């Protein structure tokens, strides 16, 4: 049961990151309450990943933010780990 709750939380975080990526392409004011909430949910995950990428050899010259991609990979790994622990 706990594993299922963790899996649902990770799925929710993945969808929140996906929504943030889509919203970043749309010119919407960032003072909207829903968008602010979305940033509050995703920023604690993306900010550390962003700083790791920027400190890497390739990160200083990148124009795109690849932290959502890295977050998706890590969350997918965690979901697979949780799935393997469930069964």
PDB file of N, CA and C in Angstrom:
ATOM      1  N   UNK A   1       0.816  -1.195   0.000  1.00  0.00           N
ATOM      2  CA  UNK A   1       0.000   0.000   0.000  1.00  0.00           C
ATOM      3  C   UNK A   1       0.861   1.261   0.000  1.00  0.00           C
ATOM      4  N   UNK A   2       1.918   1.259   0.799  1.00  0.00           N
ATOM      5  CA  UNK A   2       2.823   2.414   0.836  1.00  0.00           C
ATOM      6  C   UNK A   2       3.518   2.569  -0.507  1.00  0.00           C
ATOM      7  N   UNK A   3       3.891   1.434  -1.112  1.00  0.00           N
ATOM      8  CA  UNK A   3       4.550   1.494  -2.417  1.00  0.00           C
ATOM      9  C   UNK A   3       3.632   2.119  -3.467  1.00  0.00           C
ATOM     10  N   UNK A   4       2.358   1.780  -3.395  1.00  0.00           N
ATOM     11  CA  UNK A   4       1.400   2.340  -4.350  1.00  0.00           C
ATOM     12  C   UNK A   4       1.260   3.855  -4.145  1.00  0.00           C
ATOM     13  N   UNK A   5       1.229   4.300  -2.893  1.00  0.00           N
ATOM     14  CA  UNK A   5       1.140   5.735  -2.597  1.00  0.00           C
ATOM     15  C   UNK A   5       2.375   6.469  -3.114  1.00  0.00           C
ATOM     16  N   UNK A   6       3.549   5.858  -2.938  1.00  0.00           N
ATOM     17  CA  UNK A   6       4.782   6.465  -3.454  1.00  0.00           C
ATOM     18  C   UNK A   6       4.733   6.536  -4.968  1.00  0.00           C
ATOM     19  N   UNK A   7       4.248   5.486  -5.600  1.00  0.00           N
ATOM     20  CA  UNK A   7       4.133   5.471  -7.060  1.00  0.00           C
ATOM     21  C   UNK A   7       3.188   6.566  -7.545  1.00  0.00           C
ATOM     22  N   UNK A   8       2.041   6.722  -6.873  1.00  0.00           N
ATOM     23  CA  UNK A   8       1.101   7.775  -7.251  1.00  0.00           C
ATOM     24  C   UNK A   8       1.710   9.165  -7.069  1.00  0.00           C
ATOM     25  N   UNK A   9       2.471   9.345  -6.006  1.00  0.00           N
ATOM     26  CA  UNK A   9       3.144  10.630  -5.776  1.00  0.00           C
ATOM     27  C   UNK A   9       4.146  10.914  -6.888  1.00  0.00           C
ATOM     28  N   UNK A  10       4.908   9.914  -7.284  1.00  0.00           N
ATOM     29  CA  UNK A  10       5.882  10.097  -8.360  1.00  0.00           C
ATOM     30  C   UNK A  10       5.197  10.382  -9.696  1.00  0.00           C
ATOM     31  N   UNK A  11       4.070   9.725  -9.943  1.00  0.00           N
ATOM     32  CA  UNK A  11       3.303  10.009 -11.160  1.00  0.00           C
ATOM     33  C   UNK A  11       2.801  11.447 -11.144  1.00  0.00           C
ATOM     34  N   UNK A  12       2.293  11.880  -9.997  1.00  0.00           N
ATOM     35  CA  UNK A  12       1.820  13.260  -9.867  1.00  0.00           C
ATOM     36  C   UNK A  12       2.947  14.258 -10.133  1.00  0.00           C
ATOM     37  N   UNK A  13       4.122  13.981  -9.599  1.00  0.00           N
ATOM     38  CA  UNK A  13       5.259  14.877  -9.815  1.00  0.00           C
ATOM     39  C   UNK A  13       5.652  14.898 -11.290  1.00  0.00           C
ATOM     40  N   UNK A  14       5.631  13.743 -11.941  1.00  0.00           N
ATOM     41  CA  UNK A  14       5.939  13.713 -13.376  1.00  0.00           C
ATOM     42  C   UNK A  14       4.950  14.557 -14.169  1.00  0.00           C
ATOM     43  N   UNK A  15       3.666  14.442 -13.857  1.00  0.00           N
ATOM     44  CA  UNK A  15       2.661  15.241 -14.563  1.00  0.00           C
ATOM     45  C   UNK A  15       2.839  16.727 -14.264  1.00  0.00           C
ATOM     46  N   UNK A  16       3.209  17.062 -13.043  1.00  0.00           N
ATOM     47  CA  UNK A  16       3.429  18.469 -12.697  1.00  0.00           C
ATOM     48  C   UNK A  16       4.617  19.031 -13.473  1.00  0.00           C
ATOM     49  N   UNK A  17       5.680  18.253 -13.597  1.00  0.00           N
ATOM     50  CA  UNK A  17       6.842  18.698 -14.379  1.00  0.00           C
ATOM     51  C   UNK A  17       6.461  18.840 -15.843  1.00  0.00           C
ATOM     52  N   UNK A  18       5.698  17.886 -16.351  1.00  0.00           N
ATOM     53  CA  UNK A  18       5.251  17.969 -17.746  1.00  0.00           C
ATOM     54  C   UNK A  18       4.401  19.215 -17.967  1.00  0.00           C
ATOM     55  N   UNK A  19       3.486  19.489 -17.046  1.00  0.00           N
ATOM     56  CA  UNK A  19       2.647  20.695 -17.163  1.00  0.00           C
ATOM     57  C   UNK A  19       3.502  21.953 -17.114  1.00  0.00           C
ATOM     58  N   UNK A  20       4.507  21.961 -16.273  1.00  0.00           N
ATOM     59  CA  UNK A  20       5.384  23.138 -16.189  1.00  0.00           C
ATOM     60  C   UNK A  20       6.142  23.352 -17.498  1.00  0.00           C
ATOM     61  N   UNK A  21       6.596  22.282 -18.109  1.00  0.00           N
ATOM     62  CA  UNK A  21       7.295  22.399 -19.396  1.00  0.00           C
ATOM     63  C   UNK A  21       6.360  22.987 -20.447  1.00  0.00           C
ATOM     64  N   UNK A  22       5.143  22.475 -20.523  1.00  0.00           N
ATOM     65  CA  UNK A  22       4.171  22.976 -21.504  1.00  0.00           C
ATOM     66  C   UNK A  22       3.842  24.440 -21.229  1.00  0.00           C
ATOM     67  N   UNK A  23       3.630  24.780 -19.965  1.00  0.00           N
ATOM     68  CA  UNK A  23       3.294  26.161 -19.609  1.00  0.00           C
ATOM     69  C   UNK A  23       4.452  27.113 -19.916  1.00  0.00           C
ATOM     70  N   UNK A  24       5.675  26.618 -19.836  1.00  0.00           N
ATOM     71  CA  UNK A  24       6.826  27.488 -20.131  1.00  0.00           C
ATOM     72  C   UNK A  24       6.864  27.908 -21.595  1.00  0.00           C
ATOM     73  N   UNK A  25       6.189  27.172 -22.456  1.00  0.00           N
ATOM     74  CA  UNK A  25       6.140  27.520 -23.876  1.00  0.00           C
ATOM     75  C   UNK A  25       5.038  28.520 -24.186  1.00  0.00           C
ATOM     76  N   UNK A  26       4.103  28.705 -23.244  1.00  0.00           N
ATOM     77  CA  UNK A  26       2.948  29.572 -23.461  1.00  0.00           C
ATOM     78  C   UNK A  26       3.164  30.884 -22.711  1.00  0.00           C
ATOM     79  N   UNK A  27       2.919  32.000 -23.346  1.00  0.00           N
ATOM     80  CA  UNK A  27       3.122  33.279 -22.645  1.00  0.00           C
ATOM     81  C   UNK A  27       1.999  33.581 -21.644  1.00  0.00           C
ATOM     82  N   UNK A  28       2.107  32.977 -20.471  1.00  0.00           N
ATOM     83  CA  UNK A  28       1.125  33.170 -19.406  1.00  0.00           C
ATOM     84  C   UNK A  28       1.820  33.915 -18.268  1.00  0.00           C
ATOM     85  N   UNK A  29       1.163  34.893 -17.668  1.00  0.00           N
ATOM     86  CA  UNK A  29       1.782  35.584 -16.526  1.00  0.00           C
ATOM     87  C   UNK A  29       2.046  34.610 -15.377  1.00  0.00           C
ATOM     88  N   UNK A  30       3.184  34.741 -14.764  1.00  0.00           N
ATOM     89  CA  UNK A  30       3.588  33.821 -13.699  1.00  0.00           C
ATOM     90  C   UNK A  30       2.942  34.152 -12.355  1.00  0.00           C
ATOM     91  N   UNK A  31       2.105  35.190 -12.293  1.00  0.00           N
ATOM     92  CA  UNK A  31       1.469  35.539 -11.028  1.00  0.00           C
ATOM     93  C   UNK A  31       0.130  34.826 -10.822  1.00  0.00           C
ATOM     94  N   UNK A  32      -0.250  33.947 -11.728  1.00  0.00           N
ATOM     95  CA  UNK A  32      -1.452  33.138 -11.593  1.00  0.00           C
ATOM     96  C   UNK A  32      -1.256  32.154 -10.433  1.00  0.00           C
ATOM     97  N   UNK A  33      -2.272  31.972  -9.593  1.00  0.00           N
ATOM     98  CA  UNK A  33      -2.146  31.104  -8.415  1.00  0.00           C
ATOM     99  C   UNK A  33      -1.834  29.660  -8.776  1.00  0.00           C
ATOM    100  N   UNK A  34      -2.438  29.150  -9.819  1.00  0.00           N
ATOM    101  CA  UNK A  34      -2.206  27.757 -10.220  1.00  0.00           C
ATOM    102  C   UNK A  34      -0.780  27.582 -10.721  1.00  0.00           C
ATOM    103  N   UNK A  35      -0.309  28.527 -11.494  1.00  0.00           N
ATOM    104  CA  UNK A  35       1.055  28.441 -12.012  1.00  0.00           C
ATOM    105  C   UNK A  35       2.057  28.591 -10.874  1.00  0.00           C
ATOM    106  N   UNK A  36       1.767  29.473  -9.932  1.00  0.00           N
ATOM    107  CA  UNK A  36       2.630  29.622  -8.766  1.00  0.00           C
ATOM    108  C   UNK A  36       2.707  28.319  -7.969  1.00  0.00           C
ATOM    109  N   UNK A  37       1.562  27.654  -7.798  1.00  0.00           N
ATOM    110  CA  UNK A  37       1.532  26.373  -7.105  1.00  0.00           C
ATOM    111  C   UNK A  37       2.335  25.322  -7.871  1.00  0.00           C
ATOM    112  N   UNK A  38       2.191  25.313  -9.178  1.00  0.00           N
ATOM    113  CA  UNK A  38       2.942  24.372 -10.010  1.00  0.00           C
ATOM    114  C   UNK A  38       4.442  24.582  -9.852  1.00  0.00           C
ATOM    115  N   UNK A  39       4.876  25.846  -9.820  1.00  0.00           N
ATOM    116  CA  UNK A  39       6.291  26.146  -9.627  1.00  0.00           C
ATOM    117  C   UNK A  39       6.746  25.745  -8.228  1.00  0.00           C
ATOM    118  N   UNK A  40       5.899  25.924  -7.221  1.00  0.00           N
ATOM    119  CA  UNK A  40       6.258  25.538  -5.858  1.00  0.00           C
ATOM    120  C   UNK A  40       6.398  24.021  -5.725  1.00  0.00           C
ATOM    121  N   UNK A  41       5.631  23.276  -6.490  1.00  0.00           N
ATOM    122  CA  UNK A  41       5.714  21.819  -6.447  1.00  0.00           C
ATOM    123  C   UNK A  41       6.965  21.321  -7.168  1.00  0.00           C
ATOM    124  N   UNK A  42       7.269  21.908  -8.315  1.00  0.00           N
ATOM    125  CA  UNK A  42       8.333  21.373  -9.167  1.00  0.00           C
ATOM    126  C   UNK A  42       9.712  21.980  -8.916  1.00  0.00           C
ATOM    127  N   UNK A  43       9.778  23.197  -8.433  1.00  0.00           N
ATOM    128  CA  UNK A  43      11.079  23.856  -8.282  1.00  0.00           C
ATOM    129  C   UNK A  43      12.014  23.142  -7.305  1.00  0.00           C
ATOM    130  N   UNK A  44      11.529  22.582  -6.181  1.00  0.00           N
ATOM    131  CA  UNK A  44      12.457  21.854  -5.307  1.00  0.00           C
ATOM    132  C   UNK A  44      13.098  20.641  -5.971  1.00  0.00           C
ATOM    133  N   UNK A  45      12.497  20.134  -7.018  1.00  0.00           N
ATOM    134  CA  UNK A  45      13.067  18.999  -7.750  1.00  0.00           C
ATOM    135  C   UNK A  45      13.968  19.486  -8.877  1.00  0.00           C
ATOM    136  N   UNK A  46      13.517  20.507  -9.599  1.00  0.00           N
ATOM    137  CA  UNK A  46      14.254  20.956 -10.777  1.00  0.00           C
ATOM    138  C   UNK A  46      15.461  21.826 -10.443  1.00  0.00           C
ATOM    139  N   UNK A  47      15.398  22.627  -9.404  1.00  0.00           N
ATOM    140  CA  UNK A  47      16.500  23.548  -9.085  1.00  0.00           C
ATOM    141  C   UNK A  47      17.815  22.818  -8.793  1.00  0.00           C
ATOM    142  N   UNK A  48      17.824  21.776  -7.955  1.00  0.00           N
ATOM    143  CA  UNK A  48      19.093  21.074  -7.730  1.00  0.00           C
ATOM    144  C   UNK A  48      19.623  20.396  -8.997  1.00  0.00           C
ATOM    145  N   UNK A  49      18.717  19.843  -9.785  1.00  0.00           N
ATOM    146  CA  UNK A  49      19.143  19.211 -11.036  1.00  0.00           C
ATOM    147  C   UNK A  49      19.710  20.246 -11.999  1.00  0.00           C
ATOM    148  N   UNK A  50      19.082  21.411 -12.041  1.00  0.00           N
ATOM    149  CA  UNK A  50      19.557  22.492 -12.900  1.00  0.00           C
ATOM    150  C   UNK A  50      20.975  22.924 -12.501  1.00  0.00           C
ATOM    151  N   UNK A  51      21.223  23.023 -11.202  1.00  0.00           N
ATOM    152  CA  UNK A  51      22.560  23.440 -10.755  1.00  0.00           C
ATOM    153  C   UNK A  51      23.593  22.358 -11.045  1.00  0.00           C
ATOM    154  N   UNK A  52      23.214  21.082 -10.943  1.00  0.00           N
ATOM    155  CA  UNK A  52      24.139  19.997 -11.288  1.00  0.00           C
ATOM    156  C   UNK A  52      24.483  20.056 -12.771  1.00  0.00           C
ATOM    157  N   UNK A  53      23.485  20.277 -13.602  1.00  0.00           N
ATOM    158  CA  UNK A  53      23.720  20.354 -15.045  1.00  0.00           C
ATOM    159  C   UNK A  53      24.602  21.565 -15.369  1.00  0.00           C
ATOM    160  N   UNK A  54      24.359  22.707 -14.735  1.00  0.00           N
ATOM    161  CA  UNK A  54      25.146  23.908 -15.013  1.00  0.00           C
ATOM    162  C   UNK A  54      26.591  23.752 -14.568  1.00  0.00           C
ATOM    163  N   UNK A  55      26.843  22.976 -13.522  1.00  0.00           N
ATOM    164  CA  UNK A  55      28.216  22.764 -13.065  1.00  0.00           C
ATOM    165  C   UNK A  55      28.961  21.754 -13.912  1.00  0.00           C
ATOM    166  N   UNK A  56      28.243  20.991 -14.737  1.00  0.00           N
ATOM    167  CA  UNK A  56      28.910  19.998 -15.578  1.00  0.00           C
ATOM    168  C   UNK A  56      29.642  20.692 -16.724  1.00  0.00           C
ATOM    169  N   UNK A  57      30.455  19.933 -17.417  1.00  0.00           N
ATOM    170  CA  UNK A  57      31.249  20.496 -18.514  1.00  0.00           C
ATOM    171  C   UNK A  57      30.373  21.006 -19.647  1.00  0.00           C
ATOM    172  N   UNK A  58      29.282  20.338 -19.925  1.00  0.00           N
ATOM    173  CA  UNK A  58      28.396  20.752 -21.014  1.00  0.00           C
ATOM    174  C   UNK A  58      27.362  21.780 -20.576  1.00  0.00           C
ATOM    175  N   UNK A  59      27.061  21.827 -19.308  1.00  0.00           N
ATOM    176  CA  UNK A  59      25.966  22.644 -18.813  1.00  0.00           C
ATOM    177  C   UNK A  59      26.155  24.131 -18.943  1.00  0.00           C
ATOM    178  N   UNK A  60      27.386  24.605 -18.887  1.00  0.00           N
ATOM    179  CA  UNK A  60      27.597  26.055 -18.931  1.00  0.00           C
ATOM    180  C   UNK A  60      27.292  26.651 -20.294  1.00  0.00           C
ATOM    181  N   UNK A  61      27.343  25.848 -21.338  1.00  0.00           N
ATOM    182  CA  UNK A  61      27.096  26.379 -22.675  1.00  0.00           C
ATOM    183  C   UNK A  61      25.715  26.017 -23.226  1.00  0.00           C
ATOM    184  N   UNK A  62      24.871  25.377 -22.422  1.00  0.00           N
ATOM    185  CA  UNK A  62      23.555  24.969 -22.896  1.00  0.00           C
ATOM    186  C   UNK A  62      22.569  26.127 -22.859  1.00  0.00           C
ATOM    187  N   UNK A  63      21.756  26.205 -23.900  1.00  0.00           N
ATOM    188  CA  UNK A  63      20.734  27.246 -23.956  1.00  0.00           C
ATOM    189  C   UNK A  63      19.373  26.710 -23.501  1.00  0.00           C
ATOM    190  N   UNK A  64      19.208  25.399 -23.505  1.00  0.00           N
ATOM    191  CA  UNK A  64      17.952  24.787 -23.089  1.00  0.00           C
ATOM    192  C   UNK A  64      18.100  24.208 -21.681  1.00  0.00           C
ATOM    193  N   UNK A  65      16.993  24.174 -20.964  1.00  0.00           N
ATOM    194  CA  UNK A  65      16.970  23.610 -19.622  1.00  0.00           C
ATOM    195  C   UNK A  65      16.629  22.131 -19.722  1.00  0.00           C
ATOM    196  N   UNK A  66      17.598  21.284 -19.459  1.00  0.00           N
ATOM    197  CA  UNK A  66      17.384  19.843 -19.538  1.00  0.00           C
ATOM    198  C   UNK A  66      17.067  19.224 -18.180  1.00  0.00           C
ATOM    199  N   UNK A  67      16.853  20.048 -17.162  1.00  0.00           N
ATOM    200  CA  UNK A  67      16.541  19.505 -15.841  1.00  0.00           C
ATOM    201  C   UNK A  67      15.223  18.720 -15.827  1.00  0.00           C
ATOM    202  N   UNK A  68      14.182  19.109 -16.586  1.00  0.00           N
ATOM    203  CA  UNK A  68      12.982  18.259 -16.608  1.00  0.00           C
ATOM    204  C   UNK A  68      13.246  16.872 -17.206  1.00  0.00           C
ATOM    205  N   UNK A  69      14.111  16.801 -18.196  1.00  0.00           N
ATOM    206  CA  UNK A  69      14.442  15.510 -18.802  1.00  0.00           C
ATOM    207  C   UNK A  69      15.150  14.630 -17.778  1.00  0.00           C
ATOM    208  N   UNK A  70      16.118  15.210 -17.077  1.00  0.00           N
ATOM    209  CA  UNK A  70      16.835  14.472 -16.050  1.00  0.00           C
ATOM    210  C   UNK A  70      15.887  14.055 -14.922  1.00  0.00           C
ATOM    211  N   UNK A  71      14.969  14.936 -14.553  1.00  0.00           N
ATOM    212  CA  UNK A  71      13.991  14.614 -13.509  1.00  0.00           C
ATOM    213  C   UNK A  71      13.108  13.453 -13.946  1.00  0.00           C
ATOM    214  N   UNK A  72      12.666  13.451 -15.203  1.00  0.00           N
ATOM    215  CA  UNK A  72      11.857  12.344 -15.704  1.00  0.00           C
ATOM    216  C   UNK A  72      12.629  11.027 -15.647  1.00  0.00           C
ATOM    217  N   UNK A  73      13.905  11.058 -16.002  1.00  0.00           N
ATOM    218  CA  UNK A  73      14.711   9.839 -15.956  1.00  0.00           C
ATOM    219  C   UNK A  73      14.854   9.324 -14.525  1.00  0.00           C
ATOM    220  N   UNK A  74      15.126  10.222 -13.596  1.00  0.00           N
ATOM    221  CA  UNK A  74      15.290   9.828 -12.199  1.00  0.00           C
ATOM    222  C   UNK A  74      13.976   9.306 -11.630  1.00  0.00           C
ATOM    223  N   UNK A  75      12.883  10.001 -11.910  1.00  0.00           N
ATOM    224  CA  UNK A  75      11.584   9.563 -11.400  1.00  0.00           C
ATOM    225  C   UNK A  75      11.185   8.222 -12.018  1.00  0.00           C
ATOM    226  N   UNK A  76      11.467   8.015 -13.280  1.00  0.00           N
ATOM    227  CA  UNK A  76      11.178   6.726 -13.918  1.00  0.00           C
ATOM    228  C   UNK A  76      11.984   5.611 -13.260  1.00  0.00           C
ATOM    229  N   UNK A  77      13.244   5.897 -12.957  1.00  0.00           N
ATOM    230  CA  UNK A  77      14.072   4.915 -12.256  1.00  0.00           C
ATOM    231  C   UNK A  77      13.476   4.593 -10.885  1.00  0.00           C
ATOM    232  N   UNK A  78      13.053   5.625 -10.149  1.00  0.00           N
ATOM    233  CA  UNK A  78      12.458   5.416  -8.831  1.00  0.00           C
ATOM    234  C   UNK A  78      11.149   4.635  -8.924  1.00  0.00           C
ATOM    235  N   UNK A  79      10.347   4.930  -9.934  1.00  0.00           N
ATOM    236  CA  UNK A  79       9.088   4.193 -10.109  1.00  0.00           C
ATOM    237  C   UNK A  79       9.361   2.724 -10.410  1.00  0.00           C
ATOM    238  N   UNK A  80      10.372   2.450 -11.245  1.00  0.00           N
ATOM    239  CA  UNK A  80      10.738   1.056 -11.520  1.00  0.00           C
ATOM    240  C   UNK A  80      11.238   0.365 -10.261  1.00  0.00           C
ATOM    241  N   UNK A  81      11.979   1.078  -9.445  1.00  0.00           N
ATOM    242  CA  UNK A  81      12.465   0.529  -8.188  1.00  0.00           C
ATOM    243  C   UNK A  81      11.296   0.197  -7.257  1.00  0.00           C
ATOM    244  N   UNK A  82      10.350   1.113  -7.147  1.00  0.00           N
ATOM    245  CA  UNK A  82       9.170   0.881  -6.319  1.00  0.00           C
ATOM    246  C   UNK A  82       8.361  -0.294  -6.862  1.00  0.00           C
ATOM    247  N   UNK A  83       8.220  -0.360  -8.176  1.00  0.00           N
ATOM    248  CA  UNK A  83       7.466  -1.468  -8.794  1.00  0.00           C
ATOM    249  C   UNK A  83       8.137  -2.811  -8.493  1.00  0.00           C
ATOM    250  N   UNK A  84       9.464  -2.835  -8.567  1.00  0.00           N
ATOM    251  CA  UNK A  84      10.173  -4.086  -8.287  1.00  0.00           C
ATOM    252  C   UNK A  84      10.073  -4.479  -6.812  1.00  0.00           C
ATOM    253  N   UNK A  85       9.971  -3.501  -5.933  1.00  0.00           N
ATOM    254  CA  UNK A  85       9.820  -3.798  -4.515  1.00  0.00           C
ATOM    255  C   UNK A  85       8.404  -4.299  -4.193  1.00  0.00           C
ATOM    256  N   UNK A  86       7.431  -3.844  -5.000  1.00  0.00           N
ATOM    257  CA  UNK A  86       6.047  -4.275  -4.787  1.00  0.00           C
ATOM    258  C   UNK A  86       5.868  -5.742  -5.124  1.00  0.00           C
ATOM    259  N   UNK A  87       6.578  -6.229  -6.114  1.00  0.00           N
ATOM    260  CA  UNK A  87       6.355  -7.607  -6.586  1.00  0.00           C
ATOM    261  C   UNK A  87       7.552  -8.471  -6.360  1.00  0.00           C
TER     262      UNK A  87
END
